[in-house]
Amino acid sequence: MNMNRYILTIMTIAYCVAVGAQTSDRDYIRLGNAAYRQNAFNKAEVYYTKAIEKKPSAEAYFNLGNALTMQRQDSTAYQRYMQSLELVGNNSLKKAKIYHNMGNLQYASRNYKDAVELYKASLRCNPNDNETRYNLAMAQHMLKNNPNNGGGGGNNNQDNKDQNQDDKKQEQQDKQQPQQQEQKKNQQDMSQEAADQLLNSAQQDEKNVQRKVKEKQTRQPRRLQKDW
């Protein structure tokens, strides 16, 4: 019954848009949300933009940031999250989600120092978010092992090329010096086992641990973004 009402609402709004009737910012946000759920991120972007044209709001900017993130327009998405942050007011939980998603974008760009600070800001707003706590631990781990990626790397294709070259070099070194590589792994300040222990302290179950570790290893923070 609730689903039927939801579908009817979307159809009504869509009809109003089609015939040129007055459409509110909330209507456009609902249309954007419906498109987003269908993975039509470019269409969601259009609706959220129209909502902002009607009435700028933290929610519209935040959702637009999510739609842009899913289209890998990271730089623009980051700006939209910043605009959402300016309008969100004193809502700590929403602030936490904004900071979390901004941290994900910095992590994806290998700006681990900035990612650490943003995850910390998120946890200050919502100390009970175990997902953000885990992301913080991973960002700290990556920063320790990649000190040259402290921030300011930006979101561009060159980063990806550099990363691919680094990965190839690392793979060659692993094949040539397996024993030495194993020693390096054992000497890391924060091993994967330590990350797992952190998760256990946060009362994550084993299934979620494996899922999140896999997502982090493949560097796909977009799957971990927060929604309102």
Protein backbone atom coordinates (compact mmCIF):
# COMPACT_ATOMS: atom_id res chain seq x y z
CA MET A 1 0.00 0.00 0.00
CA ASN A 2 2.78 2.42 0.92
CA MET A 3 4.63 1.55 -2.28
CA ASN A 4 1.51 2.27 -4.35
CA ARG A 5 1.18 5.66 -2.70
CA TYR A 6 4.83 6.38 -3.40
CA ILE A 7 4.46 5.48 -7.08
CA LEU A 8 1.31 7.58 -7.32
CA THR A 9 3.11 10.57 -5.79
CA ILE A 10 5.99 10.31 -8.26
CA MET A 11 3.58 9.97 -11.18
CA THR A 12 1.65 13.02 -10.01
CA ILE A 13 4.79 15.13 -9.72
CA ALA A 14 6.03 13.95 -13.10
CA TYR A 15 2.70 14.89 -14.66
CA CYS A 16 2.85 18.35 -13.14
CA VAL A 17 6.33 18.84 -14.55
CA ALA A 18 5.20 17.63 -17.97
CA VAL A 19 2.28 20.02 -18.19
CA GLY A 20 4.27 22.93 -16.83
CA ALA A 21 2.44 23.22 -13.51
CA GLN A 22 4.08 24.87 -10.54
CA THR A 23 6.68 22.46 -9.15
CA SER A 24 8.29 23.04 -5.76
CA ASP A 25 11.85 22.36 -4.71
CA ARG A 26 10.57 19.42 -2.64
CA ASP A 27 8.92 17.95 -5.74
CA TYR A 28 12.18 18.11 -7.64
CA ILE A 29 14.07 16.53 -4.74
CA ARG A 30 11.56 13.65 -4.69
CA LEU A 31 11.96 13.19 -8.43
CA GLY A 32 15.72 13.27 -8.01
CA ASN A 33 15.56 10.68 -5.26
CA ALA A 34 13.42 8.40 -7.44
CA ALA A 35 15.87 8.71 -10.34
CA TYR A 36 18.81 8.11 -8.00
CA ARG A 37 17.27 4.88 -6.71
CA GLN A 38 16.98 3.72 -10.31
CA ASN A 39 20.68 4.50 -10.85
CA ALA A 40 19.73 7.26 -13.31
CA PHE A 41 22.31 9.57 -11.76
CA ASN A 42 22.46 12.05 -14.62
CA LYS A 43 18.68 12.50 -14.43
CA ALA A 44 18.88 12.84 -10.64
CA GLU A 45 21.51 15.54 -11.13
CA VAL A 46 19.09 17.52 -13.31
CA TYR A 47 16.27 17.31 -10.78
CA TYR A 48 18.47 18.27 -7.83
CA THR A 49 19.80 21.22 -9.79
CA LYS A 50 16.25 22.35 -10.50
CA ALA A 51 15.46 22.03 -6.79
CA ILE A 52 18.39 24.30 -5.97
CA GLU A 53 17.23 26.81 -8.57
CA LYS A 54 13.86 26.89 -6.80
CA LYS A 55 15.27 27.03 -3.29
CA PRO A 56 18.87 26.24 -2.27
CA SER A 57 18.94 23.77 0.60
CA ALA A 58 21.42 21.54 2.39
CA GLU A 59 19.51 18.43 1.30
CA ALA A 60 19.43 19.37 -2.38
CA TYR A 61 23.16 20.18 -2.43
CA PHE A 62 23.98 17.00 -0.51
CA ASN A 63 21.94 14.80 -2.84
CA LEU A 64 23.43 16.55 -5.85
CA GLY A 65 26.87 15.80 -4.45
CA ASN A 66 25.93 12.12 -4.21
CA ALA A 67 24.65 12.05 -7.80
CA LEU A 68 27.84 13.71 -9.05
CA THR A 69 29.97 11.32 -7.01
CA MET A 70 28.30 8.36 -8.66
CA GLN A 71 29.18 9.91 -12.02
CA ARG A 72 32.79 10.33 -10.85
CA GLN A 73 32.63 14.10 -11.01
CA ASP A 74 34.50 14.23 -7.74
CA SER A 75 35.75 17.81 -7.80
CA THR A 76 32.29 19.26 -8.45
CA ALA A 77 30.72 16.85 -5.97
CA TYR A 78 33.11 18.07 -3.28
CA GLN A 79 32.03 21.67 -3.91
CA ARG A 80 28.37 20.70 -3.58
CA TYR A 81 29.07 19.01 -0.26
CA MET A 82 30.75 22.21 0.89
CA GLN A 83 27.65 24.19 -0.05
CA SER A 84 25.49 21.69 1.81
CA LEU A 85 27.68 22.13 4.86
CA GLU A 86 27.13 25.89 4.76
CA LEU A 87 23.34 25.45 4.85
CA VAL A 88 22.92 22.46 7.16
CA GLY A 89 22.92 24.47 10.38
CA ASN A 90 23.45 22.69 13.70
CA ASN A 91 22.22 19.25 12.67
CA SER A 92 25.14 17.13 13.87
CA LEU A 93 24.05 13.89 12.25
CA LYS A 94 23.70 15.49 8.82
CA LYS A 95 27.01 17.27 9.26
CA ALA A 96 28.59 13.92 10.03
CA LYS A 97 27.30 12.45 6.78
CA ILE A 98 28.58 15.39 4.75
CA TYR A 99 32.05 15.15 6.29
CA HIS A 100 32.01 11.37 5.77
CA ASN A 101 31.30 11.68 2.04
CA MET A 102 33.87 14.44 1.65
CA GLY A 103 36.37 12.16 3.36
CA ASN A 104 35.54 9.40 0.89
CA LEU A 105 36.31 11.71 -2.03
CA GLN A 106 39.66 12.66 -0.54
CA TYR A 107 40.45 9.00 0.14
CA ALA A 108 39.59 8.10 -3.47
CA SER A 109 42.01 10.84 -4.62
CA ARG A 110 44.70 9.43 -2.29
CA ASN A 111 44.67 12.66 -0.23
CA TYR A 112 44.90 10.63 2.94
CA LYS A 113 45.79 13.50 5.26
CA ASP A 114 42.68 15.44 4.25
CA ALA A 115 40.60 12.26 4.45
CA VAL A 116 41.79 11.69 8.03
CA GLU A 117 40.79 15.19 9.09
CA LEU A 118 37.37 14.93 7.45
CA TYR A 119 36.63 11.55 9.05
CA LYS A 120 37.65 13.01 12.41
CA ALA A 121 35.28 15.93 11.85
CA SER A 122 32.53 13.44 11.04
CA LEU A 123 33.17 11.48 14.23
CA ARG A 124 33.12 14.65 16.30
CA CYS A 125 29.58 15.18 15.00
CA ASN A 126 28.57 11.54 15.41
CA PRO A 127 30.98 9.52 17.60
CA ASN A 128 28.84 6.39 17.25
CA ASP A 129 29.34 5.88 13.51
CA ASN A 130 31.43 2.72 13.24
CA GLU A 131 31.67 2.94 9.46
CA THR A 132 33.34 6.34 9.67
CA ARG A 133 35.59 5.04 12.46
CA TYR A 134 36.71 2.22 10.18
CA ASN A 135 37.30 4.59 7.26
CA LEU A 136 39.41 6.77 9.56
CA ALA A 137 41.53 3.79 10.56
CA MET A 138 42.09 2.86 6.92
CA ALA A 139 42.96 6.44 5.96
CA GLN A 140 45.46 6.63 8.84
CA HIS A 141 46.92 3.32 7.74
CA MET A 142 47.30 4.50 4.16
CA LEU A 143 48.82 7.82 5.27
CA LYS A 144 51.47 6.04 7.33
CA ASN A 145 52.44 3.86 4.39
CA ASN A 146 52.14 6.63 1.79
CA PRO A 147 53.57 9.73 3.49
CA ASN A 148 53.91 11.56 0.18
CA ASN A 149 50.14 11.42 -0.32
CA GLY A 150 49.39 13.85 2.46
CA GLY A 151 46.95 15.98 0.50
CA GLY A 152 46.47 18.31 -2.40
CA GLY A 153 46.67 15.58 -5.03
CA GLY A 154 43.36 16.59 -6.60
CA ASN A 155 40.99 14.53 -8.67
CA ASN A 156 42.47 13.91 -12.09
CA ASN A 157 43.55 11.25 -14.52
CA GLN A 158 47.21 11.75 -13.70
CA ASP A 159 46.58 10.42 -10.19
CA ASN A 160 45.17 7.24 -11.65
CA LYS A 161 48.11 6.86 -14.05
CA ASP A 162 50.60 7.38 -11.23
CA GLN A 163 48.77 4.86 -9.10
CA ASN A 164 48.83 2.27 -11.88
CA GLN A 165 52.55 2.80 -12.37
CA ASP A 166 53.15 2.48 -8.64
CA ASP A 167 51.10 -0.70 -8.54
CA LYS A 168 53.10 -2.22 -11.41
CA LYS A 169 56.41 -1.32 -9.78
CA GLN A 170 55.24 -2.78 -6.50
CA GLU A 171 54.13 -5.98 -8.22
CA GLN A 172 57.55 -6.38 -9.85
CA GLN A 173 59.27 -5.84 -6.53
CA ASP A 174 57.03 -8.41 -4.92
CA LYS A 175 58.01 -11.01 -7.54
CA GLN A 176 61.72 -10.24 -7.29
CA GLN A 177 61.99 -9.99 -3.52
CA PRO A 178 59.18 -11.98 -1.87
CA GLN A 179 61.02 -12.45 1.40
CA GLN A 180 61.94 -8.80 1.69
CA GLN A 181 58.39 -7.81 0.86
CA GLU A 182 57.05 -10.09 3.55
CA GLN A 183 59.34 -8.44 6.09
CA LYS A 184 58.09 -5.03 5.06
CA LYS A 185 54.53 -6.14 5.55
CA ASN A 186 55.33 -7.42 9.02
CA GLN A 187 56.94 -4.11 9.89
CA GLN A 188 53.95 -1.96 8.99
CA ASP A 189 52.73 0.19 11.86
CA MET A 190 49.16 -0.87 11.36
CA SER A 191 48.57 -4.30 9.79
CA GLN A 192 45.31 -5.61 8.43
CA GLU A 193 45.01 -7.59 11.63
CA ALA A 194 45.13 -4.36 13.60
CA ALA A 195 42.39 -2.92 11.42
CA ASP A 196 40.28 -6.01 12.09
CA GLN A 197 40.84 -5.60 15.83
CA LEU A 198 39.67 -2.02 15.57
CA LEU A 199 36.53 -3.19 13.88
CA ASN A 200 35.94 -5.81 16.55
CA SER A 201 36.21 -3.16 19.23
CA ALA A 202 33.51 -1.27 17.36
CA GLN A 203 31.35 -4.43 17.47
CA GLN A 204 31.31 -5.07 13.73
CA ASP A 205 30.34 -8.62 12.79
CA GLU A 206 32.63 -10.75 10.65
CA LYS A 207 30.51 -10.47 7.53
CA ASN A 208 30.65 -6.67 7.55
CA VAL A 209 34.37 -6.77 8.24
CA GLN A 210 35.06 -8.83 5.14
CA ARG A 211 32.78 -6.68 3.00
CA LYS A 212 34.33 -3.40 4.10
CA VAL A 213 37.90 -4.67 3.87
CA LYS A 214 37.23 -5.82 0.31
CA GLU A 215 35.68 -2.45 -0.60
CA LYS A 216 38.60 -0.54 0.85
CA GLN A 217 41.18 -2.74 -0.83
CA THR A 218 39.56 -2.09 -4.22
CA ARG A 219 39.32 1.63 -3.43
CA GLN A 220 35.60 2.04 -4.06
CA PRO A 221 34.50 4.52 -1.38
CA ARG A 222 31.48 5.46 -3.49
CA ARG A 223 29.77 2.36 -2.16
CA LEU A 224 30.23 3.67 1.34
CA GLN A 225 28.72 7.12 0.86
CA LYS A 226 26.07 8.34 3.25
CA ASP A 227 22.48 9.14 2.30
CA TRP A 228 19.81 11.30 3.92
